[in-house]
Amino acid sequence: LIQYQSPPPSPGIPQFMTIGYLDGIPFERYNSERGRMEPLTEWVKEAADPEYWDRNTQISVQNQLVYARGLDTLRDRYNQSRGVHTLSRVYGCDLLSDGSVSGSRRFGYDGRDFLSFDWGSKRYMAADSAAEVTRRRWEDETNEAERQTNYLEHVCPEWLQKYVRYAQKELDRKEPPDVHVSGKEEYGMLTLSCHAYGFYPKTIAVNWMKGDEIRDQETEWGGVVPNSDGTFHTWARIEARPEEQEQYRCRVEHPGMSEPGIFAWGEAGSPPSGVTLTVVVALSIIAAIVIIIAAVIGFIVWKRQSGNSRDGVGEGARIHLAVFWESWGTDTDPTVFPQ
């Protein structure tokens, strides 16, 4: 994921940031304030040599200049002169169980879709008339679609396989979630919240049940969000009549659990109120925000189109997912940005 903001945001928040993810976990990062590509996990720190970090630092410095020009182009195209604007780009490739791969490449402007690469047709799709200008130019004047097809079909999966080898021990671990249920009564209705945190891998199913029936249509879910320690947290919420409280249970299924867990408000392991839980979750979010704050807009674009696995432990045919950037000089090709 790559993001550039202009004018520079508040002190402490970088203007330009690049983050690489493996199976949802950030493993390397560059930001314009530190000026250096850095490891975020022990496995990549141990596997990569100094040349790897030097090369990717140089590429990120060059990318910042390219993004600045691209953002200027879009401001002019949208006839905007003031305010903070953000340009994001997200790459992804999946390694599937049948040996095939799939890929994704998207641009976002100010948190909205701009351009996306359609995997089926191997063509770019424009979100609006401003993006259509870039799409036509790339299609008529460059081999951009062909270049990205090659990258997503061959180069990205090769890097993904390397990262998986480096991180195999880490990826194979299973940490079950800590689950807490809380409730809050207001305006005659009871809001029950089920929080799961500290789990890995990220695949999890959190469902509210009334009696023996799963009530998905009445449930509101939060995203599966990374913590700074390489684990994840999520939540599910439902409204109930106070007199029916004892009928509701939260069902949690995760690869790290020997069997699905059933949790209720007020039972052992669940705090009697939301106060303790709020503190725990707030601390997790504060820790994670150091990594993800400047990447929020681009990550939302990715999450919205990729979807969330919440209805079961399985993730279909997916084995591993990488979201990262091209780590060589082709990133400085001016065709990679809106013109």
Protein backbone atom coordinates (compact mmCIF):
# COMPACT_ATOMS: atom_id res chain seq x y z
CA LEU A 1 0.00 0.00 0.00
CA ILE A 2 1.33 3.44 -0.96
CA GLN A 3 -0.16 6.76 0.08
CA TYR A 4 0.74 10.39 -0.46
CA GLN A 5 -0.91 13.44 1.14
CA SER A 6 -0.66 17.08 0.14
CA PRO A 7 -0.21 19.55 1.72
CA PRO A 8 1.77 17.83 4.49
CA PRO A 9 -0.53 16.64 7.34
CA SER A 10 -0.04 17.37 11.02
CA PRO A 11 3.40 16.96 12.60
CA GLY A 12 4.15 13.31 13.31
CA ILE A 13 2.04 12.02 10.41
CA PRO A 14 4.18 11.41 7.30
CA GLN A 15 3.26 12.93 3.96
CA PHE A 16 4.26 9.77 2.11
CA MET A 17 4.07 6.17 3.30
CA THR A 18 4.57 2.70 1.84
CA ILE A 19 3.57 -0.47 3.71
CA GLY A 20 3.93 -4.13 2.75
CA TYR A 21 1.48 -6.69 4.16
CA LEU A 22 1.62 -10.49 4.26
CA ASP A 23 -1.66 -12.20 5.17
CA GLY A 24 -2.89 -8.93 6.67
CA ILE A 25 0.19 -8.30 8.83
CA PRO A 26 2.40 -5.28 8.02
CA PHE A 27 5.99 -6.45 7.63
CA GLU A 28 7.87 -3.47 6.19
CA ARG A 29 7.34 0.27 5.98
CA TYR A 30 8.76 3.46 4.55
CA ASN A 31 7.61 6.92 5.57
CA SER A 32 8.86 10.31 4.51
CA GLU A 33 9.62 11.47 8.05
CA ARG A 34 12.04 8.64 8.80
CA GLY A 35 13.34 8.45 5.23
CA ARG A 36 14.22 4.76 5.38
CA MET A 37 12.56 1.45 4.50
CA GLU A 38 12.34 -0.46 7.78
CA PRO A 39 11.36 -3.99 8.90
CA LEU A 40 8.26 -4.42 11.04
CA THR A 41 8.69 -8.14 11.77
CA GLU A 42 11.59 -10.23 12.99
CA TRP A 43 11.37 -12.68 10.10
CA VAL A 44 11.92 -10.07 7.39
CA LYS A 45 14.61 -8.41 9.47
CA GLU A 46 16.50 -11.69 9.64
CA ALA A 47 15.90 -12.70 6.00
CA ALA A 48 16.64 -9.47 4.11
CA ASP A 49 20.18 -8.19 3.55
CA PRO A 50 21.26 -4.52 3.75
CA GLU A 51 21.07 -4.19 -0.03
CA TYR A 52 17.36 -5.04 0.10
CA TRP A 53 16.65 -2.11 2.45
CA ASP A 54 18.91 0.29 0.53
CA ARG A 55 17.27 -0.56 -2.79
CA ASN A 56 13.73 -0.19 -1.47
CA THR A 57 14.60 3.05 0.30
CA GLN A 58 15.83 4.53 -2.99
CA ILE A 59 12.72 3.39 -4.82
CA SER A 60 10.45 4.89 -2.15
CA VAL A 61 12.25 8.23 -2.35
CA GLN A 62 11.70 8.22 -6.12
CA ASN A 63 8.08 7.17 -5.69
CA GLN A 64 7.38 10.14 -3.45
CA LEU A 65 8.35 12.49 -6.27
CA VAL A 66 6.17 10.58 -8.73
CA TYR A 67 3.21 10.67 -6.35
CA ALA A 68 3.60 14.40 -5.81
CA ARG A 69 3.32 14.96 -9.57
CA GLY A 70 0.36 12.62 -9.81
CA LEU A 71 -1.47 14.42 -7.01
CA ASP A 72 -0.89 17.78 -8.68
CA THR A 73 -2.38 16.37 -11.87
CA LEU A 74 -5.50 15.17 -10.09
CA ARG A 75 -6.01 18.42 -8.21
CA ASP A 76 -5.99 20.25 -11.52
CA ARG A 77 -8.29 17.71 -13.14
CA TYR A 78 -10.83 17.97 -10.32
CA ASN A 79 -10.40 21.75 -10.23
CA GLN A 80 -9.30 21.76 -6.60
CA SER A 81 -6.94 24.33 -5.14
CA ARG A 82 -7.09 23.94 -1.37
CA GLY A 83 -7.33 21.39 1.38
CA VAL A 84 -5.60 18.12 2.12
CA HIS A 85 -5.80 15.52 -0.63
CA THR A 86 -4.66 11.91 -0.62
CA LEU A 87 -3.57 9.60 -3.42
CA SER A 88 -3.37 5.89 -2.60
CA ARG A 89 -2.34 2.80 -4.51
CA VAL A 90 -2.89 -0.80 -3.37
CA TYR A 91 -1.35 -3.91 -4.90
CA GLY A 92 -2.34 -7.42 -4.02
CA CYS A 93 -1.83 -10.98 -5.17
CA ASP A 94 -3.33 -14.22 -3.87
CA LEU A 95 -1.75 -17.65 -3.92
CA LEU A 96 -4.61 -20.16 -4.27
CA SER A 97 -4.82 -23.80 -3.24
CA ASP A 98 -5.12 -25.06 -6.82
CA GLY A 99 -1.82 -23.43 -7.77
CA SER A 100 -3.40 -20.47 -9.56
CA VAL A 101 -3.00 -16.83 -8.64
CA SER A 102 -5.18 -13.74 -8.68
CA GLY A 103 -4.18 -10.12 -8.42
CA SER A 104 -5.44 -6.65 -7.69
CA ARG A 105 -4.20 -3.13 -8.32
CA ARG A 106 -6.20 -0.05 -7.35
CA PHE A 107 -5.82 3.69 -7.14
CA GLY A 108 -7.82 5.84 -4.76
CA TYR A 109 -8.15 9.60 -4.57
CA ASP A 110 -9.36 11.22 -1.34
CA GLY A 111 -10.67 7.86 -0.14
CA ARG A 112 -12.69 7.15 -3.28
CA ASP A 113 -11.99 4.69 -6.07
CA PHE A 114 -10.15 6.19 -9.02
CA LEU A 115 -8.77 3.38 -11.20
CA SER A 116 -8.81 -0.38 -10.73
CA PHE A 117 -7.28 -3.21 -12.72
CA ASP A 118 -9.91 -5.79 -13.67
CA TRP A 119 -8.41 -9.25 -13.30
CA GLY A 120 -10.84 -10.91 -15.70
CA SER A 121 -10.49 -8.58 -18.69
CA LYS A 122 -6.91 -7.49 -17.86
CA ARG A 123 -7.96 -3.88 -18.40
CA TYR A 124 -8.20 -0.79 -16.24
CA MET A 125 -11.63 0.40 -15.12
CA ALA A 126 -12.29 4.09 -14.46
CA ALA A 127 -14.47 5.23 -11.57
CA ASP A 128 -15.38 8.63 -13.08
CA SER A 129 -14.71 10.92 -16.02
CA ALA A 130 -11.45 12.22 -14.54
CA ALA A 131 -10.14 8.69 -14.19
CA GLU A 132 -11.32 7.90 -17.72
CA VAL A 133 -8.79 10.43 -19.06
CA THR A 134 -5.97 8.44 -17.48
CA ARG A 135 -7.42 5.09 -18.52
CA ARG A 136 -7.66 6.13 -22.19
CA ARG A 137 -4.14 7.55 -22.16
CA TRP A 138 -2.70 4.39 -20.66
CA GLU A 139 -4.62 2.23 -23.11
CA ASP A 140 -3.80 4.27 -26.22
CA GLU A 141 -0.24 5.34 -25.51
CA THR A 142 1.37 2.75 -23.21
CA ASN A 143 1.53 -0.97 -22.45
CA GLU A 144 0.52 -0.37 -18.85
CA ALA A 145 -2.18 -3.07 -18.74
CA GLU A 146 0.19 -5.64 -20.23
CA ARG A 147 2.92 -4.67 -17.79
CA GLN A 148 0.59 -5.03 -14.81
CA THR A 149 -0.72 -8.37 -16.04
CA ASN A 150 2.84 -9.70 -16.10
CA TYR A 151 3.54 -8.23 -12.67
CA LEU A 152 0.43 -9.64 -11.02
CA GLU A 153 0.63 -13.06 -12.70
CA HIS A 154 4.36 -13.69 -12.30
CA VAL A 155 6.43 -11.18 -10.34
CA CYS A 156 4.09 -10.60 -7.40
CA PRO A 157 3.48 -14.34 -6.75
CA GLU A 158 7.23 -15.01 -6.89
CA TRP A 159 7.80 -12.43 -4.17
CA LEU A 160 4.83 -13.75 -2.21
CA GLN A 161 6.32 -17.26 -2.22
CA LYS A 162 9.65 -15.87 -1.00
CA TYR A 163 7.99 -13.99 1.84
CA VAL A 164 5.96 -17.06 2.80
CA ARG A 165 9.16 -19.14 3.01
CA TYR A 166 10.78 -16.50 5.20
CA ALA A 167 7.73 -16.23 7.46
CA GLN A 168 6.59 -19.87 7.45
CA LYS A 169 7.09 -20.41 11.17
CA GLU A 170 5.24 -17.21 11.97
CA LEU A 171 2.40 -17.97 9.56
CA ASP A 172 1.92 -21.49 10.95
CA ARG A 173 1.33 -20.29 14.49
CA LYS A 174 -2.19 -20.25 15.92
CA GLU A 175 -3.19 -17.94 18.73
CA PRO A 176 -6.79 -18.26 19.93
CA PRO A 177 -8.81 -15.12 20.64
CA ASP A 178 -9.57 -13.67 24.04
CA VAL A 179 -13.32 -13.11 23.99
CA HIS A 180 -15.29 -10.68 26.12
CA VAL A 181 -18.99 -9.90 26.03
CA SER A 182 -20.45 -6.66 27.32
CA GLY A 183 -23.88 -5.07 27.39
CA LYS A 184 -25.37 -1.62 27.62
CA GLU A 185 -29.04 -0.78 28.12
CA GLU A 186 -30.33 2.46 26.68
CA TYR A 187 -33.74 3.73 25.58
CA GLY A 188 -35.36 0.43 26.44
CA MET A 189 -33.02 -1.69 24.31
CA LEU A 190 -29.98 -3.75 25.25
CA THR A 191 -26.89 -3.56 23.05
CA LEU A 192 -24.73 -6.67 23.36
CA SER A 193 -21.14 -6.54 22.11
CA CYS A 194 -18.81 -9.48 21.56
CA HIS A 195 -15.12 -8.59 21.22
CA ALA A 196 -12.38 -11.01 20.16
CA TYR A 197 -8.79 -9.85 20.29
CA GLY A 198 -5.23 -11.14 20.25
CA PHE A 199 -5.88 -13.90 17.68
CA TYR A 200 -3.92 -15.23 14.70
CA PRO A 201 -4.47 -16.05 11.87
CA LYS A 202 -7.00 -13.38 10.99
CA THR A 203 -9.69 -15.81 9.78
CA ILE A 204 -12.45 -15.83 12.37
CA ALA A 205 -16.21 -16.20 12.63
CA VAL A 206 -18.04 -14.19 15.29
CA ASN A 207 -21.82 -14.65 15.32
CA TRP A 208 -24.64 -13.76 17.69
CA MET A 209 -27.15 -16.49 18.46
CA LYS A 210 -30.63 -16.29 19.96
CA GLY A 211 -31.28 -19.72 21.35
CA ASP A 212 -29.88 -22.10 18.74
CA GLU A 213 -30.41 -19.73 15.81
CA ILE A 214 -27.66 -17.55 14.33
CA ARG A 215 -28.95 -13.98 13.89
CA ASP A 216 -26.68 -12.59 11.18
CA GLN A 217 -29.28 -10.24 9.70
CA GLU A 218 -29.53 -8.37 13.00
CA THR A 219 -25.79 -8.32 13.69
CA GLU A 220 -23.36 -5.48 13.02
CA TRP A 221 -19.71 -6.46 12.54
CA GLY A 222 -16.48 -4.57 12.86
CA GLY A 223 -13.56 -5.25 10.54
CA VAL A 224 -10.77 -7.67 11.37
CA VAL A 225 -8.12 -5.13 12.36
CA PRO A 226 -4.39 -5.76 12.92
CA ASN A 227 -2.70 -5.06 16.23
CA SER A 228 0.91 -3.92 16.41
CA ASP A 229 2.03 -7.31 17.79
CA GLY A 230 0.96 -9.25 14.69
CA THR A 231 -2.41 -10.37 16.04
CA PHE A 232 -5.92 -9.15 15.20
CA HIS A 233 -9.07 -7.96 16.89
CA THR A 234 -12.71 -7.69 15.84
CA TRP A 235 -16.23 -7.36 17.25
CA ALA A 236 -19.89 -8.13 16.61
CA ARG A 237 -22.85 -6.24 18.05
CA ILE A 238 -26.59 -6.91 18.30
CA GLU A 239 -29.62 -5.21 19.86
CA ALA A 240 -31.99 -7.20 22.06
CA ARG A 241 -34.87 -6.70 24.43
CA PRO A 242 -33.54 -6.57 28.00
CA GLU A 243 -35.90 -9.31 29.17
CA GLU A 244 -34.47 -11.63 26.48
CA GLN A 245 -30.83 -11.15 27.46
CA GLU A 246 -30.33 -14.73 28.67
CA GLN A 247 -31.33 -16.09 25.25
CA TYR A 248 -28.36 -14.46 23.50
CA ARG A 249 -24.94 -16.06 23.10
CA CYS A 250 -21.87 -15.09 21.09
CA ARG A 251 -20.39 -17.93 19.05
CA VAL A 252 -16.70 -17.64 18.10
CA GLU A 253 -14.87 -20.02 15.75
CA HIS A 254 -11.14 -19.76 15.04
CA PRO A 255 -8.38 -22.14 13.86
CA GLY A 256 -6.64 -21.70 17.22
CA MET A 257 -9.66 -23.08 19.11
CA SER A 258 -10.25 -26.82 19.39
CA GLU A 259 -13.98 -26.18 19.04
CA PRO A 260 -16.25 -23.14 18.69
CA GLY A 261 -16.68 -21.15 21.89
CA ILE A 262 -20.03 -19.92 23.23
CA PHE A 263 -19.97 -16.77 25.37
CA ALA A 264 -22.65 -14.81 27.23
CA TRP A 265 -22.74 -11.52 29.08
CA GLY A 266 -22.08 -11.96 32.77
CA GLU A 267 -20.55 -15.43 32.51
CA ALA A 268 -17.02 -16.23 33.71
CA GLY A 269 -14.46 -14.60 31.46
CA SER A 270 -16.77 -11.77 30.48
CA PRO A 271 -16.63 -8.45 32.42
CA PRO A 272 -19.91 -7.30 33.98
CA SER A 273 -19.76 -4.05 32.08
CA GLY A 274 -18.11 -2.57 29.02
CA VAL A 275 -15.63 -0.50 31.02
CA THR A 276 -12.81 -3.06 31.29
CA LEU A 277 -13.26 -4.13 27.71
CA THR A 278 -13.23 -0.57 26.46
CA VAL A 279 -9.86 0.01 28.10
CA VAL A 280 -8.39 -3.20 26.64
CA VAL A 281 -9.60 -2.53 23.12
CA ALA A 282 -8.57 1.12 23.29
CA LEU A 283 -5.03 0.11 24.21
CA SER A 284 -4.91 -2.30 21.27
CA ILE A 285 -6.11 0.39 18.90
CA ILE A 286 -3.61 2.94 20.19
CA ALA A 287 -0.78 0.47 19.65
CA ALA A 288 -1.95 -0.40 16.15
CA ILE A 289 -2.54 3.18 15.06
CA VAL A 290 1.20 3.87 14.88
CA ILE A 291 1.35 1.48 11.95
CA ILE A 292 -1.90 2.17 10.12
CA ILE A 293 -2.93 5.80 10.69
CA ALA A 294 -1.47 7.17 7.46
CA ALA A 295 -2.73 4.19 5.47
CA VAL A 296 -6.39 4.30 6.51
CA ILE A 297 -7.85 5.67 3.29
CA GLY A 298 -6.10 3.24 1.00
CA PHE A 299 -6.79 0.33 3.33
CA ILE A 300 -10.52 1.15 3.30
CA VAL A 301 -10.49 1.00 -0.51
CA TRP A 302 -8.86 -2.43 -0.35
CA LYS A 303 -11.19 -3.78 2.38
CA ARG A 304 -14.32 -2.58 0.67
CA GLN A 305 -13.56 -4.43 -2.56
CA SER A 306 -11.81 -7.49 -1.14
CA GLY A 307 -14.49 -8.32 1.43
CA ASN A 308 -14.33 -9.70 4.95
CA SER A 309 -14.46 -13.34 6.03
CA ARG A 310 -16.83 -13.47 8.98
CA ASP A 311 -19.29 -16.24 8.12
CA GLY A 312 -16.87 -19.13 8.64
CA VAL A 313 -13.32 -20.07 9.37
CA GLY A 314 -12.50 -20.99 5.79
CA GLU A 315 -11.33 -18.36 3.32
CA GLY A 316 -12.27 -20.32 0.22
CA ALA A 317 -9.33 -21.31 -1.96
CA ARG A 318 -6.99 -18.60 -0.67
CA ILE A 319 -3.77 -19.74 0.94
CA HIS A 320 -1.76 -16.53 1.25
CA LEU A 321 -2.33 -12.89 0.39
CA ALA A 322 0.28 -10.20 -0.21
CA VAL A 323 -0.53 -6.52 -0.41
CA PHE A 324 2.58 -4.59 -1.33
CA TRP A 325 4.29 -2.58 -4.03
CA GLU A 326 6.68 -3.22 -6.91
CA SER A 327 10.09 -3.14 -5.33
CA TRP A 328 12.20 -2.04 -8.25
CA GLY A 329 12.76 0.82 -10.65
CA THR A 330 9.65 0.33 -12.79
CA ASP A 331 7.71 2.12 -10.07
CA THR A 332 9.28 5.35 -11.27
CA ASP A 333 7.82 4.91 -14.76
CA PRO A 334 5.60 7.99 -15.15
CA THR A 335 2.81 5.82 -16.57
CA VAL A 336 2.15 4.33 -13.14
CA PHE A 337 0.41 7.52 -12.12
CA PRO A 338 -2.54 9.52 -13.39
CA GLN A 339 -1.60 11.81 -16.24
